[in-house]
Amino acid sequence: MTGQEPLTITKKELVHRIADATGQTKVVVKDVVQRFLDEIVGELVAGNRLEFREFGVFEIRQRASRVAQNPRTLEKVEVPAKRVVKFKAGRLMRQQIGGDDSDDGADDFDDDEDERPTRASAPRRAAERPAARGKSPAASAAAPPPAPEPPAAPLRPPPKPPSNSPF
């Protein structure tokens, strides 16, 4: 950054750019973009994980309930458990933004936990996975299931988005 405030790019601006680049009408592009966003939300609501290779991963995490403190009154307040959306940027995005890309080209995803089959590719991926790791299908069938992830540490909620945000 150069010290300036970053620009806020709206969905309307993105639709305009995509329409100009593709030659499609803004109405068509807006409809496609909105349907894409609606599908992402729908899959997250259903508890599914969305993985866009090289871009990133969206998934729902369960936050445990906790006791917090009101900074004004110093009163203890019970914060209930809730589901939150987690986004993890992919390797290509991190490299382009200039983030940590010190993994020397290694994939940022754990083979065991994060490579979950999609509805369309579940049978194909399950058949390919043992061979890709150098294991026989019989050996992988006898392997114990991966241990469940420990609950994430409670974090401070992120700041509210600008009032012109669609979210």
C-alpha atoms as a PDB file:
ATOM      1  CA  MET A   1       0.000   0.000   0.000  1.00  0.00           C
ATOM      2  CA  THR A   2       1.071   3.532  -0.576  1.00  0.00           C
ATOM      3  CA  GLY A   3      -0.500   4.920   2.576  1.00  0.00           C
ATOM      4  CA  GLN A   4      -3.732   5.890   0.815  1.00  0.00           C
ATOM      5  CA  GLU A   5      -7.123   4.539   1.778  1.00  0.00           C
ATOM      6  CA  PRO A   6      -8.030   1.549  -0.411  1.00  0.00           C
ATOM      7  CA  LEU A   7     -10.908   2.013  -2.827  1.00  0.00           C
ATOM      8  CA  THR A   8     -14.208   0.293  -2.190  1.00  0.00           C
ATOM      9  CA  ILE A   9     -15.212  -1.629  -5.297  1.00  0.00           C
ATOM     10  CA  THR A  10     -18.905  -2.454  -5.438  1.00  0.00           C
ATOM     11  CA  LYS A  11     -20.729  -5.261  -7.193  1.00  0.00           C
ATOM     12  CA  LYS A  12     -22.060  -2.643  -9.604  1.00  0.00           C
ATOM     13  CA  GLU A  13     -18.512  -1.622 -10.569  1.00  0.00           C
ATOM     14  CA  LEU A  14     -17.465  -5.242 -11.061  1.00  0.00           C
ATOM     15  CA  VAL A  15     -20.537  -5.883 -13.227  1.00  0.00           C
ATOM     16  CA  HIS A  16     -19.651  -2.836 -15.324  1.00  0.00           C
ATOM     17  CA  ARG A  17     -16.047  -4.023 -15.796  1.00  0.00           C
ATOM     18  CA  ILE A  18     -17.055  -7.577 -16.690  1.00  0.00           C
ATOM     19  CA  ALA A  19     -19.733  -6.366 -19.120  1.00  0.00           C
ATOM     20  CA  ASP A  20     -17.180  -4.126 -20.858  1.00  0.00           C
ATOM     21  CA  ALA A  21     -14.583  -6.910 -21.030  1.00  0.00           C
ATOM     22  CA  THR A  22     -16.970  -9.596 -22.307  1.00  0.00           C
ATOM     23  CA  GLY A  23     -19.321  -7.589 -24.489  1.00  0.00           C
ATOM     24  CA  GLN A  24     -22.313  -8.854 -22.515  1.00  0.00           C
ATOM     25  CA  THR A  25     -25.027  -6.555 -21.283  1.00  0.00           C
ATOM     26  CA  LYS A  26     -24.852  -5.320 -17.700  1.00  0.00           C
ATOM     27  CA  VAL A  27     -28.219  -6.948 -16.992  1.00  0.00           C
ATOM     28  CA  VAL A  28     -26.935 -10.394 -18.010  1.00  0.00           C
ATOM     29  CA  VAL A  29     -23.645  -9.987 -16.134  1.00  0.00           C
ATOM     30  CA  LYS A  30     -25.430  -8.717 -13.015  1.00  0.00           C
ATOM     31  CA  ASP A  31     -27.753 -11.734 -13.104  1.00  0.00           C
ATOM     32  CA  VAL A  32     -24.834 -14.172 -13.455  1.00  0.00           C
ATOM     33  CA  VAL A  33     -22.813 -12.509 -10.683  1.00  0.00           C
ATOM     34  CA  GLN A  34     -25.835 -12.438  -8.347  1.00  0.00           C
ATOM     35  CA  ARG A  35     -26.658 -16.085  -9.040  1.00  0.00           C
ATOM     36  CA  PHE A  36     -23.034 -17.012  -8.377  1.00  0.00           C
ATOM     37  CA  LEU A  37     -23.099 -15.194  -5.032  1.00  0.00           C
ATOM     38  CA  ASP A  38     -26.472 -16.747  -4.155  1.00  0.00           C
ATOM     39  CA  GLU A  39     -25.055 -20.220  -4.876  1.00  0.00           C
ATOM     40  CA  ILE A  40     -22.082 -19.570  -2.595  1.00  0.00           C
ATOM     41  CA  VAL A  41     -24.387 -18.491   0.218  1.00  0.00           C
ATOM     42  CA  GLY A  42     -26.701 -21.449  -0.386  1.00  0.00           C
ATOM     43  CA  GLU A  43     -23.857 -23.962  -0.219  1.00  0.00           C
ATOM     44  CA  LEU A  44     -22.477 -22.396   2.964  1.00  0.00           C
ATOM     45  CA  VAL A  45     -25.934 -22.436   4.569  1.00  0.00           C
ATOM     46  CA  ALA A  46     -26.148 -26.142   3.694  1.00  0.00           C
ATOM     47  CA  GLY A  47     -22.865 -26.658   5.541  1.00  0.00           C
ATOM     48  CA  ASN A  48     -20.810 -27.317   2.422  1.00  0.00           C
ATOM     49  CA  ARG A  49     -17.281 -26.147   1.760  1.00  0.00           C
ATOM     50  CA  LEU A  50     -16.468 -24.250  -1.437  1.00  0.00           C
ATOM     51  CA  GLU A  51     -13.006 -24.643  -2.904  1.00  0.00           C
ATOM     52  CA  PHE A  52     -11.889 -22.514  -5.812  1.00  0.00           C
ATOM     53  CA  ARG A  53      -8.406 -23.789  -6.676  1.00  0.00           C
ATOM     54  CA  GLU A  54      -5.720 -21.103  -6.664  1.00  0.00           C
ATOM     55  CA  PHE A  55      -8.311 -18.564  -5.399  1.00  0.00           C
ATOM     56  CA  GLY A  56      -9.356 -19.797  -1.985  1.00  0.00           C
ATOM     57  CA  VAL A  57     -11.688 -21.793   0.221  1.00  0.00           C
ATOM     58  CA  PHE A  58     -14.926 -20.746   1.941  1.00  0.00           C
ATOM     59  CA  GLU A  59     -16.178 -22.858   4.803  1.00  0.00           C
ATOM     60  CA  ILE A  60     -18.383 -22.635   7.882  1.00  0.00           C
ATOM     61  CA  ARG A  61     -16.766 -22.960  11.291  1.00  0.00           C
ATOM     62  CA  GLN A  62     -18.511 -23.313  14.631  1.00  0.00           C
ATOM     63  CA  ARG A  63     -17.392 -20.760  17.198  1.00  0.00           C
ATOM     64  CA  ALA A  64     -17.718 -21.873  20.803  1.00  0.00           C
ATOM     65  CA  SER A  65     -19.627 -19.777  23.299  1.00  0.00           C
ATOM     66  CA  ARG A  66     -17.460 -17.604  25.521  1.00  0.00           C
ATOM     67  CA  VAL A  67     -17.521 -14.942  28.190  1.00  0.00           C
ATOM     68  CA  ALA A  68     -16.483 -11.504  26.942  1.00  0.00           C
ATOM     69  CA  GLN A  69     -16.164  -8.135  28.622  1.00  0.00           C
ATOM     70  CA  ASN A  70     -17.981  -4.968  27.622  1.00  0.00           C
ATOM     71  CA  PRO A  71     -15.159  -2.430  27.231  1.00  0.00           C
ATOM     72  CA  ARG A  72     -17.330   0.504  28.373  1.00  0.00           C
ATOM     73  CA  THR A  73     -18.902  -0.988  31.479  1.00  0.00           C
ATOM     74  CA  LEU A  74     -16.397  -3.823  32.117  1.00  0.00           C
ATOM     75  CA  GLU A  75     -19.442  -6.050  32.600  1.00  0.00           C
ATOM     76  CA  LYS A  76     -19.024  -9.754  31.781  1.00  0.00           C
ATOM     77  CA  VAL A  77     -21.259 -10.809  28.883  1.00  0.00           C
ATOM     78  CA  GLU A  78     -22.033 -14.309  27.625  1.00  0.00           C
ATOM     79  CA  VAL A  79     -21.420 -14.565  23.867  1.00  0.00           C
ATOM     80  CA  PRO A  80     -23.368 -17.528  22.443  1.00  0.00           C
ATOM     81  CA  ALA A  81     -21.895 -20.105  20.073  1.00  0.00           C
ATOM     82  CA  LYS A  82     -22.352 -19.277  16.417  1.00  0.00           C
ATOM     83  CA  ARG A  83     -21.459 -20.348  12.911  1.00  0.00           C
ATOM     84  CA  VAL A  84     -19.052 -18.091  11.014  1.00  0.00           C
ATOM     85  CA  VAL A  85     -17.731 -18.052   7.456  1.00  0.00           C
ATOM     86  CA  LYS A  86     -13.998 -18.584   7.131  1.00  0.00           C
ATOM     87  CA  PHE A  87     -12.114 -17.723   3.944  1.00  0.00           C
ATOM     88  CA  LYS A  88      -8.599 -18.931   3.331  1.00  0.00           C
ATOM     89  CA  ALA A  89      -6.863 -17.349   0.348  1.00  0.00           C
ATOM     90  CA  GLY A  90      -5.316 -19.717  -2.169  1.00  0.00           C
ATOM     91  CA  ARG A  91      -1.676 -19.782  -3.211  1.00  0.00           C
ATOM     92  CA  LEU A  92      -2.116 -17.768  -6.408  1.00  0.00           C
ATOM     93  CA  MET A  93      -4.088 -15.029  -4.635  1.00  0.00           C
ATOM     94  CA  ARG A  94      -1.495 -14.776  -1.847  1.00  0.00           C
ATOM     95  CA  GLN A  95       1.304 -14.515  -4.397  1.00  0.00           C
ATOM     96  CA  GLN A  96      -0.457 -11.807  -6.402  1.00  0.00           C
ATOM     97  CA  ILE A  97      -1.345  -9.794  -3.306  1.00  0.00           C
ATOM     98  CA  GLY A  98       2.195 -10.152  -2.031  1.00  0.00           C
ATOM     99  CA  GLY A  99       1.417 -12.254   0.999  1.00  0.00           C
ATOM    100  CA  ASP A 100       3.387 -15.178   2.353  1.00  0.00           C
ATOM    101  CA  ASP A 101       4.238 -17.468  -0.546  1.00  0.00           C
ATOM    102  CA  SER A 102       7.271 -19.094   1.070  1.00  0.00           C
ATOM    103  CA  ASP A 103       5.865 -22.596   0.583  1.00  0.00           C
ATOM    104  CA  ASP A 104       7.910 -22.940  -2.648  1.00  0.00           C
ATOM    105  CA  GLY A 105       4.924 -23.907  -4.767  1.00  0.00           C
ATOM    106  CA  ALA A 106       3.570 -26.507  -2.381  1.00  0.00           C
ATOM    107  CA  ASP A 107      -0.181 -26.740  -2.250  1.00  0.00           C
ATOM    108  CA  ASP A 108      -1.619 -24.945   0.779  1.00  0.00           C
ATOM    109  CA  PHE A 109      -4.230 -27.620   1.417  1.00  0.00           C
ATOM    110  CA  ASP A 110      -3.823 -30.724   3.568  1.00  0.00           C
ATOM    111  CA  ASP A 111      -4.531 -33.792   1.464  1.00  0.00           C
ATOM    112  CA  ASP A 112      -6.383 -35.540   4.278  1.00  0.00           C
ATOM    113  CA  GLU A 113      -8.767 -32.931   5.617  1.00  0.00           C
ATOM    114  CA  ASP A 114      -9.335 -30.231   3.029  1.00  0.00           C
ATOM    115  CA  GLU A 115      -9.755 -32.241  -0.147  1.00  0.00           C
ATOM    116  CA  ARG A 116     -13.371 -33.183   0.323  1.00  0.00           C
ATOM    117  CA  PRO A 117     -15.246 -34.493  -2.683  1.00  0.00           C
ATOM    118  CA  THR A 118     -17.813 -32.370  -4.438  1.00  0.00           C
ATOM    119  CA  ARG A 119     -21.185 -33.783  -5.381  1.00  0.00           C
ATOM    120  CA  ALA A 120     -20.186 -34.205  -9.008  1.00  0.00           C
ATOM    121  CA  SER A 121     -16.697 -35.615  -8.433  1.00  0.00           C
ATOM    122  CA  ALA A 122     -17.112 -37.739  -5.301  1.00  0.00           C
ATOM    123  CA  PRO A 123     -16.825 -41.210  -6.929  1.00  0.00           C
ATOM    124  CA  ARG A 124     -13.970 -40.188  -9.251  1.00  0.00           C
ATOM    125  CA  ARG A 125     -11.911 -38.498  -6.535  1.00  0.00           C
ATOM    126  CA  ALA A 126     -12.359 -41.350  -4.084  1.00  0.00           C
ATOM    127  CA  ALA A 127     -11.040 -43.791  -6.681  1.00  0.00           C
ATOM    128  CA  GLU A 128      -8.075 -41.572  -7.645  1.00  0.00           C
ATOM    129  CA  ARG A 129      -6.932 -40.513  -4.184  1.00  0.00           C
ATOM    130  CA  PRO A 130      -5.128 -43.721  -3.038  1.00  0.00           C
ATOM    131  CA  ALA A 131      -3.195 -44.052  -6.302  1.00  0.00           C
ATOM    132  CA  ALA A 132      -2.133 -40.415  -6.207  1.00  0.00           C
ATOM    133  CA  ARG A 133      -0.596 -40.929  -2.763  1.00  0.00           C
ATOM    134  CA  GLY A 134       1.105 -44.185  -3.628  1.00  0.00           C
ATOM    135  CA  LYS A 135      -1.208 -46.339  -1.507  1.00  0.00           C
ATOM    136  CA  SER A 136      -3.235 -49.289  -2.566  1.00  0.00           C
ATOM    137  CA  PRO A 137      -7.032 -49.069  -2.252  1.00  0.00           C
ATOM    138  CA  ALA A 138      -6.956 -51.820   0.408  1.00  0.00           C
ATOM    139  CA  ALA A 139      -4.417 -49.926   2.513  1.00  0.00           C
ATOM    140  CA  SER A 140      -6.429 -46.724   2.409  1.00  0.00           C
ATOM    141  CA  ALA A 141      -9.654 -48.549   3.320  1.00  0.00           C
ATOM    142  CA  ALA A 142      -8.014 -49.883   6.494  1.00  0.00           C
ATOM    143  CA  ALA A 143      -6.667 -46.483   7.530  1.00  0.00           C
ATOM    144  CA  PRO A 144      -8.472 -44.828  10.450  1.00  0.00           C
ATOM    145  CA  PRO A 145     -10.519 -41.716   9.708  1.00  0.00           C
ATOM    146  CA  PRO A 146      -8.774 -38.382  10.357  1.00  0.00           C
ATOM    147  CA  ALA A 147      -9.147 -36.912  13.830  1.00  0.00           C
ATOM    148  CA  PRO A 148     -11.729 -34.120  14.137  1.00  0.00           C
ATOM    149  CA  GLU A 149     -10.403 -30.575  14.143  1.00  0.00           C
ATOM    150  CA  PRO A 150     -10.129 -28.893  17.526  1.00  0.00           C
ATOM    151  CA  PRO A 151     -12.482 -25.942  17.936  1.00  0.00           C
ATOM    152  CA  ALA A 152     -11.078 -22.640  16.767  1.00  0.00           C
ATOM    153  CA  ALA A 153      -9.937 -20.207  19.428  1.00  0.00           C
ATOM    154  CA  PRO A 154     -12.470 -17.436  19.976  1.00  0.00           C
ATOM    155  CA  LEU A 155     -11.568 -14.291  18.115  1.00  0.00           C
ATOM    156  CA  ARG A 156     -12.667 -10.714  18.349  1.00  0.00           C
ATOM    157  CA  PRO A 157     -15.414 -10.028  15.788  1.00  0.00           C
ATOM    158  CA  PRO A 158     -14.244  -8.236  12.631  1.00  0.00           C
ATOM    159  CA  PRO A 159     -15.098  -4.564  12.172  1.00  0.00           C
ATOM    160  CA  LYS A 160     -18.407  -3.795  10.506  1.00  0.00           C
ATOM    161  CA  PRO A 161     -18.250  -3.333   6.719  1.00  0.00           C
ATOM    162  CA  PRO A 162     -18.990   0.065   5.200  1.00  0.00           C
ATOM    163  CA  SER A 163     -22.668   0.917   5.048  1.00  0.00           C
ATOM    164  CA  ASN A 164     -22.700   0.620   1.243  1.00  0.00           C
ATOM    165  CA  SER A 165     -21.645  -3.047   1.439  1.00  0.00           C
ATOM    166  CA  PRO A 166     -24.189  -5.613   0.154  1.00  0.00           C
ATOM    167  CA  PHE A 167     -23.251  -7.955   3.037  1.00  0.00           C
END
